[in-house]
Amino acid sequence: MCIREGCNRTVRGQDDRQACGHLCDFIEEQMKEAMRVCRATGDTDIWAAAVALNDALTEYFDHRKRLYNAALSVGFTREQWRAIKRGN
Protein backbone atom coordinates (compact mmCIF):
# COMPACT_ATOMS: atom_id res chain seq x y z
CA MET A 1 0.00 0.00 0.00
CA CYS A 2 0.96 3.60 -0.55
CA ILE A 3 2.91 5.29 2.23
CA ARG A 4 0.81 8.49 2.09
CA GLU A 5 -1.72 8.70 4.91
CA GLY A 6 -5.23 8.47 3.51
CA CYS A 7 -4.20 6.70 0.32
CA ASN A 8 -5.21 3.08 -0.03
CA ARG A 9 -3.88 2.57 -3.54
CA THR A 10 -1.45 -0.18 -4.44
CA VAL A 11 2.20 0.57 -5.13
CA ARG A 12 3.11 -0.87 -8.51
CA GLY A 13 6.55 -1.55 -9.90
CA GLN A 14 9.66 -3.48 -9.13
CA ASP A 15 11.74 -0.69 -7.58
CA ASP A 16 11.79 0.43 -3.96
CA ARG A 17 8.93 2.92 -4.35
CA GLN A 18 6.80 3.45 -1.27
CA ALA A 19 4.18 5.71 -2.84
CA CYS A 20 1.65 4.72 -5.50
CA GLY A 21 2.63 7.61 -7.76
CA HIS A 22 4.37 10.94 -8.14
CA LEU A 23 1.62 12.96 -6.47
CA CYS A 24 1.53 10.81 -3.36
CA ASP A 25 5.31 10.81 -3.19
CA PHE A 26 5.36 14.62 -3.49
CA ILE A 27 2.65 15.10 -0.84
CA GLU A 28 4.39 12.69 1.54
CA GLU A 29 7.63 14.67 1.20
CA GLN A 30 5.77 17.95 1.77
CA MET A 31 4.15 16.51 4.90
CA LYS A 32 7.55 15.51 6.29
CA GLU A 33 9.02 18.92 5.46
CA ALA A 34 6.07 20.76 7.01
CA MET A 35 6.40 18.68 10.18
CA ARG A 36 10.10 19.56 10.49
CA VAL A 37 9.45 23.27 9.88
CA CYS A 38 6.54 23.27 12.31
CA ARG A 39 8.65 21.64 15.02
CA ALA A 40 11.55 24.04 14.43
CA THR A 41 9.50 27.24 14.29
CA GLY A 42 6.36 26.47 16.24
CA ASP A 43 4.28 27.82 13.35
CA THR A 44 1.40 25.42 12.77
CA ASP A 45 -0.02 27.13 9.67
CA ILE A 46 2.32 25.24 7.35
CA TRP A 47 1.28 21.94 8.94
CA ALA A 48 -2.41 22.79 8.55
CA ALA A 49 -1.84 23.64 4.89
CA ALA A 50 0.04 20.38 4.28
CA VAL A 51 -2.76 18.39 5.91
CA ALA A 52 -5.33 20.21 3.76
CA LEU A 53 -3.29 19.37 0.65
CA ASN A 54 -3.11 15.72 1.68
CA ASP A 55 -6.84 15.60 2.39
CA ALA A 56 -7.65 17.25 -0.95
CA LEU A 57 -5.70 14.61 -2.86
CA THR A 58 -7.45 11.84 -0.92
CA GLU A 59 -10.83 13.39 -1.72
CA TYR A 60 -9.91 13.72 -5.41
CA PHE A 61 -8.84 10.06 -5.64
CA ASP A 62 -12.03 8.99 -3.83
CA HIS A 63 -14.22 10.93 -6.30
CA ARG A 64 -12.27 9.56 -9.24
CA LYS A 65 -12.72 5.98 -8.04
CA ARG A 66 -16.44 6.54 -7.40
CA LEU A 67 -16.95 7.90 -10.90
CA TYR A 68 -14.95 5.06 -12.44
CA ASN A 69 -17.06 2.46 -10.63
CA ALA A 70 -20.27 4.26 -11.63
CA ALA A 71 -19.15 4.32 -15.28
CA LEU A 72 -18.41 0.59 -15.23
CA SER A 73 -21.77 -0.13 -13.60
CA VAL A 74 -23.66 1.51 -16.49
CA GLY A 75 -21.71 -0.31 -19.19
CA PHE A 76 -18.56 1.67 -19.89
CA THR A 77 -15.51 -0.45 -20.53
CA ARG A 78 -12.14 0.23 -18.95
CA GLU A 79 -10.86 1.30 -22.36
CA GLN A 80 -13.74 3.75 -22.87
CA TRP A 81 -13.16 5.28 -19.44
CA ARG A 82 -9.44 5.59 -20.14
CA ALA A 83 -10.24 7.35 -23.44
CA ILE A 84 -12.55 9.81 -21.66
CA LYS A 85 -9.86 10.66 -19.11
CA ARG A 86 -7.23 11.15 -21.81
CA GLY A 87 -9.52 13.24 -24.00
CA ASN A 88 -9.66 10.77 -26.88
PDB file of N, CA and C in Angstrom:
ATOM      1  N   MET A   1       0.822  -1.188   0.000  1.00  0.00           N
ATOM      2  CA  MET A   1       0.000   0.000   0.000  1.00  0.00           C
ATOM      3  C   MET A   1       0.868   1.254   0.000  1.00  0.00           C
ATOM      4  N   CYS A   2       0.278   2.309  -0.470  1.00  0.00           N
ATOM      5  CA  CYS A   2       0.962   3.600  -0.549  1.00  0.00           C
ATOM      6  C   CYS A   2       1.307   4.106   0.854  1.00  0.00           C
ATOM      7  N   ILE A   3       2.435   4.767   0.946  1.00  0.00           N
ATOM      8  CA  ILE A   3       2.911   5.291   2.229  1.00  0.00           C
ATOM      9  C   ILE A   3       2.124   6.530   2.688  1.00  0.00           C
ATOM     10  N   ARG A   4       1.493   7.242   1.736  1.00  0.00           N
ATOM     11  CA  ARG A   4       0.811   8.490   2.094  1.00  0.00           C
ATOM     12  C   ARG A   4      -0.440   8.199   2.918  1.00  0.00           C
ATOM     13  N   GLU A   5      -0.547   8.876   4.053  1.00  0.00           N
ATOM     14  CA  GLU A   5      -1.720   8.700   4.909  1.00  0.00           C
ATOM     15  C   GLU A   5      -2.981   9.083   4.148  1.00  0.00           C
ATOM     16  N   GLY A   6      -3.978   8.218   4.200  1.00  0.00           N
ATOM     17  CA  GLY A   6      -5.232   8.467   3.509  1.00  0.00           C
ATOM     18  C   GLY A   6      -5.318   7.799   2.158  1.00  0.00           C
ATOM     19  N   CYS A   7      -4.199   7.352   1.621  1.00  0.00           N
ATOM     20  CA  CYS A   7      -4.195   6.695   0.315  1.00  0.00           C
ATOM     21  C   CYS A   7      -4.215   5.189   0.526  1.00  0.00           C
ATOM     22  N   ASN A   8      -5.123   4.537  -0.149  1.00  0.00           N
ATOM     23  CA  ASN A   8      -5.205   3.084  -0.033  1.00  0.00           C
ATOM     24  C   ASN A   8      -4.904   2.402  -1.365  1.00  0.00           C
ATOM     25  N   ARG A   9      -4.200   3.129  -2.231  1.00  0.00           N
ATOM     26  CA  ARG A   9      -3.881   2.570  -3.544  1.00  0.00           C
ATOM     27  C   ARG A   9      -2.639   1.687  -3.454  1.00  0.00           C
ATOM     28  N   THR A  10      -2.551   0.771  -4.393  1.00  0.00           N
ATOM     29  CA  THR A  10      -1.449  -0.180  -4.442  1.00  0.00           C
ATOM     30  C   THR A  10      -0.223   0.452  -5.082  1.00  0.00           C
ATOM     31  N   VAL A  11       0.932   0.140  -4.539  1.00  0.00           N
ATOM     32  CA  VAL A  11       2.203   0.573  -5.126  1.00  0.00           C
ATOM     33  C   VAL A  11       2.578  -0.449  -6.183  1.00  0.00           C
ATOM     34  N   ARG A  12       2.761   0.023  -7.411  1.00  0.00           N
ATOM     35  CA  ARG A  12       3.114  -0.873  -8.512  1.00  0.00           C
ATOM     36  C   ARG A  12       4.569  -0.654  -8.891  1.00  0.00           C
ATOM     37  N   GLY A  13       5.176  -1.679  -9.436  1.00  0.00           N
ATOM     38  CA  GLY A  13       6.548  -1.546  -9.903  1.00  0.00           C
ATOM     39  C   GLY A  13       7.500  -2.433  -9.134  1.00  0.00           C
ATOM     40  N   GLN A  14       8.662  -2.585  -9.694  1.00  0.00           N
ATOM     41  CA  GLN A  14       9.658  -3.479  -9.127  1.00  0.00           C
ATOM     42  C   GLN A  14      10.698  -2.748  -8.278  1.00  0.00           C
ATOM     43  N   ASP A  15      10.718  -1.435  -8.334  1.00  0.00           N
ATOM     44  CA  ASP A  15      11.736  -0.693  -7.581  1.00  0.00           C
ATOM     45  C   ASP A  15      11.322  -0.552  -6.115  1.00  0.00           C
ATOM     46  N   ASP A  16      12.023   0.268  -5.398  1.00  0.00           N
ATOM     47  CA  ASP A  16      11.786   0.434  -3.960  1.00  0.00           C
ATOM     48  C   ASP A  16      10.792   1.550  -3.646  1.00  0.00           C
ATOM     49  N   ARG A  17       9.908   1.857  -4.576  1.00  0.00           N
ATOM     50  CA  ARG A  17       8.930   2.918  -4.353  1.00  0.00           C
ATOM     51  C   ARG A  17       8.035   2.593  -3.166  1.00  0.00           C
ATOM     52  N   GLN A  18       7.711   3.621  -2.407  1.00  0.00           N
ATOM     53  CA  GLN A  18       6.804   3.450  -1.272  1.00  0.00           C
ATOM     54  C   GLN A  18       5.467   4.134  -1.508  1.00  0.00           C
ATOM     55  N   ALA A  19       5.412   5.007  -2.511  1.00  0.00           N
ATOM     56  CA  ALA A  19       4.175   5.708  -2.841  1.00  0.00           C
ATOM     57  C   ALA A  19       3.609   5.138  -4.140  1.00  0.00           C
ATOM     58  N   CYS A  20       2.302   5.285  -4.317  1.00  0.00           N
ATOM     59  CA  CYS A  20       1.648   4.725  -5.500  1.00  0.00           C
ATOM     60  C   CYS A  20       1.936   5.537  -6.756  1.00  0.00           C
ATOM     61  N   GLY A  21       2.353   6.771  -6.600  1.00  0.00           N
ATOM     62  CA  GLY A  21       2.630   7.612  -7.758  1.00  0.00           C
ATOM     63  C   GLY A  21       3.351   8.888  -7.359  1.00  0.00           C
ATOM     64  N   HIS A  22       3.607   9.707  -8.369  1.00  0.00           N
ATOM     65  CA  HIS A  22       4.371  10.936  -8.143  1.00  0.00           C
ATOM     66  C   HIS A  22       3.659  11.905  -7.201  1.00  0.00           C
ATOM     67  N   LEU A  23       2.343  12.028  -7.345  1.00  0.00           N
ATOM     68  CA  LEU A  23       1.618  12.964  -6.474  1.00  0.00           C
ATOM     69  C   LEU A  23       1.691  12.550  -5.009  1.00  0.00           C
ATOM     70  N   CYS A  24       1.461  11.279  -4.753  1.00  0.00           N
ATOM     71  CA  CYS A  24       1.525  10.813  -3.357  1.00  0.00           C
ATOM     72  C   CYS A  24       2.938  10.945  -2.806  1.00  0.00           C
ATOM     73  N   ASP A  25       3.919  10.660  -3.623  1.00  0.00           N
ATOM     74  CA  ASP A  25       5.308  10.813  -3.189  1.00  0.00           C
ATOM     75  C   ASP A  25       5.596  12.279  -2.847  1.00  0.00           C
ATOM     76  N   PHE A  26       5.154  13.187  -3.713  1.00  0.00           N
ATOM     77  CA  PHE A  26       5.358  14.617  -3.486  1.00  0.00           C
ATOM     78  C   PHE A  26       4.667  15.073  -2.197  1.00  0.00           C
ATOM     79  N   ILE A  27       3.407  14.682  -2.027  1.00  0.00           N
ATOM     80  CA  ILE A  27       2.654  15.099  -0.841  1.00  0.00           C
ATOM     81  C   ILE A  27       3.301  14.538   0.424  1.00  0.00           C
ATOM     82  N   GLU A  28       3.737  13.291   0.369  1.00  0.00           N
ATOM     83  CA  GLU A  28       4.393  12.690   1.538  1.00  0.00           C
ATOM     84  C   GLU A  28       5.644  13.477   1.914  1.00  0.00           C
ATOM     85  N   GLU A  29       6.431  13.869   0.921  1.00  0.00           N
ATOM     86  CA  GLU A  29       7.633  14.666   1.201  1.00  0.00           C
ATOM     87  C   GLU A  29       7.266  16.033   1.773  1.00  0.00           C
ATOM     88  N   GLN A  30       6.215  16.650   1.254  1.00  0.00           N
ATOM     89  CA  GLN A  30       5.773  17.946   1.770  1.00  0.00           C
ATOM     90  C   GLN A  30       5.285  17.826   3.211  1.00  0.00           C
ATOM     91  N   MET A  31       4.612  16.731   3.530  1.00  0.00           N
ATOM     92  CA  MET A  31       4.148  16.506   4.904  1.00  0.00           C
ATOM     93  C   MET A  31       5.339  16.402   5.859  1.00  0.00           C
ATOM     94  N   LYS A  32       6.355  15.658   5.450  1.00  0.00           N
ATOM     95  CA  LYS A  32       7.550  15.512   6.289  1.00  0.00           C
ATOM     96  C   LYS A  32       8.252  16.856   6.476  1.00  0.00           C
ATOM     97  N   GLU A  33       8.370  17.611   5.382  1.00  0.00           N
ATOM     98  CA  GLU A  33       9.015  18.924   5.457  1.00  0.00           C
ATOM     99  C   GLU A  33       8.222  19.863   6.361  1.00  0.00           C
ATOM    100  N   ALA A  34       6.914  19.888   6.198  1.00  0.00           N
ATOM    101  CA  ALA A  34       6.065  20.758   7.013  1.00  0.00           C
ATOM    102  C   ALA A  34       6.179  20.401   8.494  1.00  0.00           C
ATOM    103  N   MET A  35       6.253  19.115   8.783  1.00  0.00           N
ATOM    104  CA  MET A  35       6.404  18.676  10.178  1.00  0.00           C
ATOM    105  C   MET A  35       7.714  19.189  10.767  1.00  0.00           C
ATOM    106  N   ARG A  36       8.798  19.084  10.002  1.00  0.00           N
ATOM    107  CA  ARG A  36      10.098  19.564  10.490  1.00  0.00           C
ATOM    108  C   ARG A  36      10.075  21.070  10.713  1.00  0.00           C
ATOM    109  N   VAL A  37       9.514  21.807   9.770  1.00  0.00           N
ATOM    110  CA  VAL A  37       9.447  23.266   9.881  1.00  0.00           C
ATOM    111  C   VAL A  37       8.564  23.663  11.062  1.00  0.00           C
ATOM    112  N   CYS A  38       7.451  22.981  11.206  1.00  0.00           N
ATOM    113  CA  CYS A  38       6.536  23.267  12.314  1.00  0.00           C
ATOM    114  C   CYS A  38       7.223  23.037  13.659  1.00  0.00           C
ATOM    115  N   ARG A  39       7.938  21.930  13.768  1.00  0.00           N
ATOM    116  CA  ARG A  39       8.653  21.639  15.019  1.00  0.00           C
ATOM    117  C   ARG A  39       9.747  22.668  15.295  1.00  0.00           C
ATOM    118  N   ALA A  40      10.435  23.099  14.255  1.00  0.00           N
ATOM    119  CA  ALA A  40      11.549  24.038  14.427  1.00  0.00           C
ATOM    120  C   ALA A  40      11.075  25.453  14.742  1.00  0.00           C
ATOM    121  N   THR A  41       9.945  25.849  14.159  1.00  0.00           N
ATOM    122  CA  THR A  41       9.503  27.236  14.295  1.00  0.00           C
ATOM    123  C   THR A  41       8.311  27.421  15.224  1.00  0.00           C
ATOM    124  N   GLY A  42       7.570  26.351  15.446  1.00  0.00           N
ATOM    125  CA  GLY A  42       6.357  26.465  16.244  1.00  0.00           C
ATOM    126  C   GLY A  42       5.167  26.985  15.466  1.00  0.00           C
ATOM    127  N   ASP A  43       5.363  27.311  14.199  1.00  0.00           N
ATOM    128  CA  ASP A  43       4.284  27.821  13.345  1.00  0.00           C
ATOM    129  C   ASP A  43       3.484  26.641  12.804  1.00  0.00           C
ATOM    130  N   THR A  44       2.226  26.553  13.185  1.00  0.00           N
ATOM    131  CA  THR A  44       1.403  25.416  12.772  1.00  0.00           C
ATOM    132  C   THR A  44       0.652  25.644  11.464  1.00  0.00           C
ATOM    133  N   ASP A  45       0.704  26.853  10.917  1.00  0.00           N
ATOM    134  CA  ASP A  45      -0.020  27.128   9.675  1.00  0.00           C
ATOM    135  C   ASP A  45       0.476  26.258   8.527  1.00  0.00           C
ATOM    136  N   ILE A  46       1.783  26.052   8.444  1.00  0.00           N
ATOM    137  CA  ILE A  46       2.320  25.238   7.353  1.00  0.00           C
ATOM    138  C   ILE A  46       1.856  23.786   7.495  1.00  0.00           C
ATOM    139  N   TRP A  47       1.764  23.307   8.724  1.00  0.00           N
ATOM    140  CA  TRP A  47       1.284  21.939   8.942  1.00  0.00           C
ATOM    141  C   TRP A  47      -0.188  21.822   8.536  1.00  0.00           C
ATOM    142  N   ALA A  48      -0.994  22.803   8.915  1.00  0.00           N
ATOM    143  CA  ALA A  48      -2.411  22.795   8.550  1.00  0.00           C
ATOM    144  C   ALA A  48      -2.583  22.812   7.035  1.00  0.00           C
ATOM    145  N   ALA A  49      -1.760  23.584   6.345  1.00  0.00           N
ATOM    146  CA  ALA A  49      -1.835  23.643   4.885  1.00  0.00           C
ATOM    147  C   ALA A  49      -1.431  22.312   4.255  1.00  0.00           C
ATOM    148  N   ALA A  50      -0.402  21.675   4.800  1.00  0.00           N
ATOM    149  CA  ALA A  50       0.042  20.379   4.276  1.00  0.00           C
ATOM    150  C   ALA A  50      -1.034  19.317   4.489  1.00  0.00           C
ATOM    151  N   VAL A  51      -1.679  19.341   5.640  1.00  0.00           N
ATOM    152  CA  VAL A  51      -2.760  18.392   5.914  1.00  0.00           C
ATOM    153  C   VAL A  51      -3.922  18.628   4.954  1.00  0.00           C
ATOM    154  N   ALA A  52      -4.253  19.890   4.699  1.00  0.00           N
ATOM    155  CA  ALA A  52      -5.330  20.210   3.757  1.00  0.00           C
ATOM    156  C   ALA A  52      -4.989  19.712   2.354  1.00  0.00           C
ATOM    157  N   LEU A  53      -3.739  19.866   1.953  1.00  0.00           N
ATOM    158  CA  LEU A  53      -3.290  19.371   0.651  1.00  0.00           C
ATOM    159  C   LEU A  53      -3.428  17.855   0.579  1.00  0.00           C
ATOM    160  N   ASN A  54      -2.998  17.172   1.615  1.00  0.00           N
ATOM    161  CA  ASN A  54      -3.115  15.717   1.683  1.00  0.00           C
ATOM    162  C   ASN A  54      -4.580  15.285   1.606  1.00  0.00           C
ATOM    163  N   ASP A  55      -5.420  15.942   2.379  1.00  0.00           N
ATOM    164  CA  ASP A  55      -6.841  15.601   2.392  1.00  0.00           C
ATOM    165  C   ASP A  55      -7.494  15.861   1.042  1.00  0.00           C
ATOM    166  N   ALA A  56      -7.093  16.934   0.369  1.00  0.00           N
ATOM    167  CA  ALA A  56      -7.655  17.249  -0.945  1.00  0.00           C
ATOM    168  C   ALA A  56      -7.304  16.169  -1.966  1.00  0.00           C
ATOM    169  N   LEU A  57      -6.079  15.669  -1.927  1.00  0.00           N
ATOM    170  CA  LEU A  57      -5.698  14.606  -2.858  1.00  0.00           C
ATOM    171  C   LEU A  57      -6.475  13.331  -2.558  1.00  0.00           C
ATOM    172  N   THR A  58      -6.655  13.009  -1.291  1.00  0.00           N
ATOM    173  CA  THR A  58      -7.450  11.838  -0.919  1.00  0.00           C
ATOM    174  C   THR A  58      -8.872  11.976  -1.436  1.00  0.00           C
ATOM    175  N   GLU A  59      -9.466  13.148  -1.251  1.00  0.00           N
ATOM    176  CA  GLU A  59     -10.832  13.389  -1.721  1.00  0.00           C
ATOM    177  C   GLU A  59     -10.915  13.267  -3.240  1.00  0.00           C
ATOM    178  N   TYR A  60      -9.937  13.809  -3.952  1.00  0.00           N
ATOM    179  CA  TYR A  60      -9.906  13.722  -5.410  1.00  0.00           C
ATOM    180  C   TYR A  60      -9.857  12.261  -5.865  1.00  0.00           C
ATOM    181  N   PHE A  61      -8.949  11.476  -5.273  1.00  0.00           N
ATOM    182  CA  PHE A  61      -8.843  10.062  -5.645  1.00  0.00           C
ATOM    183  C   PHE A  61     -10.136   9.311  -5.318  1.00  0.00           C
ATOM    184  N   ASP A  62     -10.767   9.639  -4.197  1.00  0.00           N
ATOM    185  CA  ASP A  62     -12.035   8.991  -3.835  1.00  0.00           C
ATOM    186  C   ASP A  62     -13.119   9.298  -4.856  1.00  0.00           C
ATOM    187  N   HIS A  63     -13.228  10.554  -5.284  1.00  0.00           N
ATOM    188  CA  HIS A  63     -14.218  10.931  -6.303  1.00  0.00           C
ATOM    189  C   HIS A  63     -13.920  10.233  -7.624  1.00  0.00           C
ATOM    190  N   ARG A  64     -12.661  10.196  -7.986  1.00  0.00           N
ATOM    191  CA  ARG A  64     -12.270   9.563  -9.243  1.00  0.00           C
ATOM    192  C   ARG A  64     -12.630   8.077  -9.240  1.00  0.00           C
ATOM    193  N   LYS A  65     -12.381   7.411  -8.139  1.00  0.00           N
ATOM    194  CA  LYS A  65     -12.718   5.983  -8.040  1.00  0.00           C
ATOM    195  C   LYS A  65     -14.229   5.780  -8.088  1.00  0.00           C
ATOM    196  N   ARG A  66     -14.974   6.639  -7.395  1.00  0.00           N
ATOM    197  CA  ARG A  66     -16.436   6.538  -7.397  1.00  0.00           C
ATOM    198  C   ARG A  66     -16.994   6.699  -8.805  1.00  0.00           C
ATOM    199  N   LEU A  67     -16.482   7.679  -9.541  1.00  0.00           N
ATOM    200  CA  LEU A  67     -16.954   7.902 -10.904  1.00  0.00           C
ATOM    201  C   LEU A  67     -16.575   6.751 -11.830  1.00  0.00           C
ATOM    202  N   TYR A  68     -15.386   6.207 -11.653  1.00  0.00           N
ATOM    203  CA  TYR A  68     -14.951   5.056 -12.443  1.00  0.00           C
ATOM    204  C   TYR A  68     -15.882   3.867 -12.208  1.00  0.00           C
ATOM    205  N   ASN A  69     -16.169   3.568 -10.952  1.00  0.00           N
ATOM    206  CA  ASN A  69     -17.063   2.457 -10.632  1.00  0.00           C
ATOM    207  C   ASN A  69     -18.469   2.694 -11.168  1.00  0.00           C
ATOM    208  N   ALA A  70     -18.947   3.935 -11.091  1.00  0.00           N
ATOM    209  CA  ALA A  70     -20.267   4.263 -11.633  1.00  0.00           C
ATOM    210  C   ALA A  70     -20.290   4.075 -13.147  1.00  0.00           C
ATOM    211  N   ALA A  71     -19.228   4.488 -13.818  1.00  0.00           N
ATOM    212  CA  ALA A  71     -19.151   4.324 -15.276  1.00  0.00           C
ATOM    213  C   ALA A  71     -19.173   2.848 -15.655  1.00  0.00           C
ATOM    214  N   LEU A  72     -18.414   2.033 -14.944  1.00  0.00           N
ATOM    215  CA  LEU A  72     -18.409   0.593 -15.227  1.00  0.00           C
ATOM    216  C   LEU A  72     -19.782  -0.022 -14.982  1.00  0.00           C
ATOM    217  N   SER A  73     -20.472   0.451 -13.951  1.00  0.00           N
ATOM    218  CA  SER A  73     -21.773  -0.134 -13.604  1.00  0.00           C
ATOM    219  C   SER A  73     -22.853   0.159 -14.639  1.00  0.00           C
ATOM    220  N   VAL A  74     -22.669   1.199 -15.448  1.00  0.00           N
ATOM    221  CA  VAL A  74     -23.656   1.508 -16.487  1.00  0.00           C
ATOM    222  C   VAL A  74     -23.192   1.075 -17.871  1.00  0.00           C
ATOM    223  N   GLY A  75     -22.105   0.302 -17.923  1.00  0.00           N
ATOM    224  CA  GLY A  75     -21.712  -0.307 -19.185  1.00  0.00           C
ATOM    225  C   GLY A  75     -20.463   0.212 -19.859  1.00  0.00           C
ATOM    226  N   PHE A  76     -19.830   1.223 -19.308  1.00  0.00           N
ATOM    227  CA  PHE A  76     -18.562   1.669 -19.890  1.00  0.00           C
ATOM    228  C   PHE A  76     -17.517   0.580 -19.712  1.00  0.00           C
ATOM    229  N   THR A  77     -16.640   0.457 -20.678  1.00  0.00           N
ATOM    230  CA  THR A  77     -15.508  -0.453 -20.528  1.00  0.00           C
ATOM    231  C   THR A  77     -14.339   0.320 -19.936  1.00  0.00           C
ATOM    232  N   ARG A  78     -13.342  -0.419 -19.472  1.00  0.00           N
ATOM    233  CA  ARG A  78     -12.138   0.234 -18.947  1.00  0.00           C
ATOM    234  C   ARG A  78     -11.478   1.085 -20.027  1.00  0.00           C
ATOM    235  N   GLU A  79     -11.476   0.575 -21.246  1.00  0.00           N
ATOM    236  CA  GLU A  79     -10.856   1.299 -22.359  1.00  0.00           C
ATOM    237  C   GLU A  79     -11.615   2.586 -22.668  1.00  0.00           C
ATOM    238  N   GLN A  80     -12.944   2.539 -22.629  1.00  0.00           N
ATOM    239  CA  GLN A  80     -13.740   3.746 -22.866  1.00  0.00           C
ATOM    240  C   GLN A  80     -13.481   4.788 -21.778  1.00  0.00           C
ATOM    241  N   TRP A  81     -13.420   4.346 -20.537  1.00  0.00           N
ATOM    242  CA  TRP A  81     -13.160   5.277 -19.435  1.00  0.00           C
ATOM    243  C   TRP A  81     -11.784   5.909 -19.573  1.00  0.00           C
ATOM    244  N   ARG A  82     -10.800   5.088 -19.938  1.00  0.00           N
ATOM    245  CA  ARG A  82      -9.438   5.590 -20.137  1.00  0.00           C
ATOM    246  C   ARG A  82      -9.426   6.644 -21.250  1.00  0.00           C
ATOM    247  N   ALA A  83     -10.171   6.397 -22.327  1.00  0.00           N
ATOM    248  CA  ALA A  83     -10.235   7.350 -23.439  1.00  0.00           C
ATOM    249  C   ALA A  83     -10.878   8.665 -22.996  1.00  0.00           C
ATOM    250  N   ILE A  84     -11.906   8.591 -22.172  1.00  0.00           N
ATOM    251  CA  ILE A  84     -12.549   9.806 -21.656  1.00  0.00           C
ATOM    252  C   ILE A  84     -11.548  10.617 -20.845  1.00  0.00           C
ATOM    253  N   LYS A  85     -10.829   9.955 -19.960  1.00  0.00           N
ATOM    254  CA  LYS A  85      -9.861  10.661 -19.114  1.00  0.00           C
ATOM    255  C   LYS A  85      -8.748  11.303 -19.929  1.00  0.00           C
ATOM    256  N   ARG A  86      -8.333  10.643 -20.982  1.00  0.00           N
ATOM    257  CA  ARG A  86      -7.229  11.153 -21.805  1.00  0.00           C
ATOM    258  C   ARG A  86      -7.684  12.149 -22.862  1.00  0.00           C
ATOM    259  N   GLY A  87      -9.005  12.293 -23.029  1.00  0.00           N
ATOM    260  CA  GLY A  87      -9.517  13.244 -24.004  1.00  0.00           C
ATOM    261  C   GLY A  87      -9.566  12.706 -25.416  1.00  0.00           C
ATOM    262  N   ASN A  88      -9.597  11.397 -25.541  1.00  0.00           N
ATOM    263  CA  ASN A  88      -9.662  10.772 -26.881  1.00  0.00           C
ATOM    264  C   ASN A  88     -11.090  10.589 -27.328  1.00  0.00           C
TER     265      ASN A  88
END
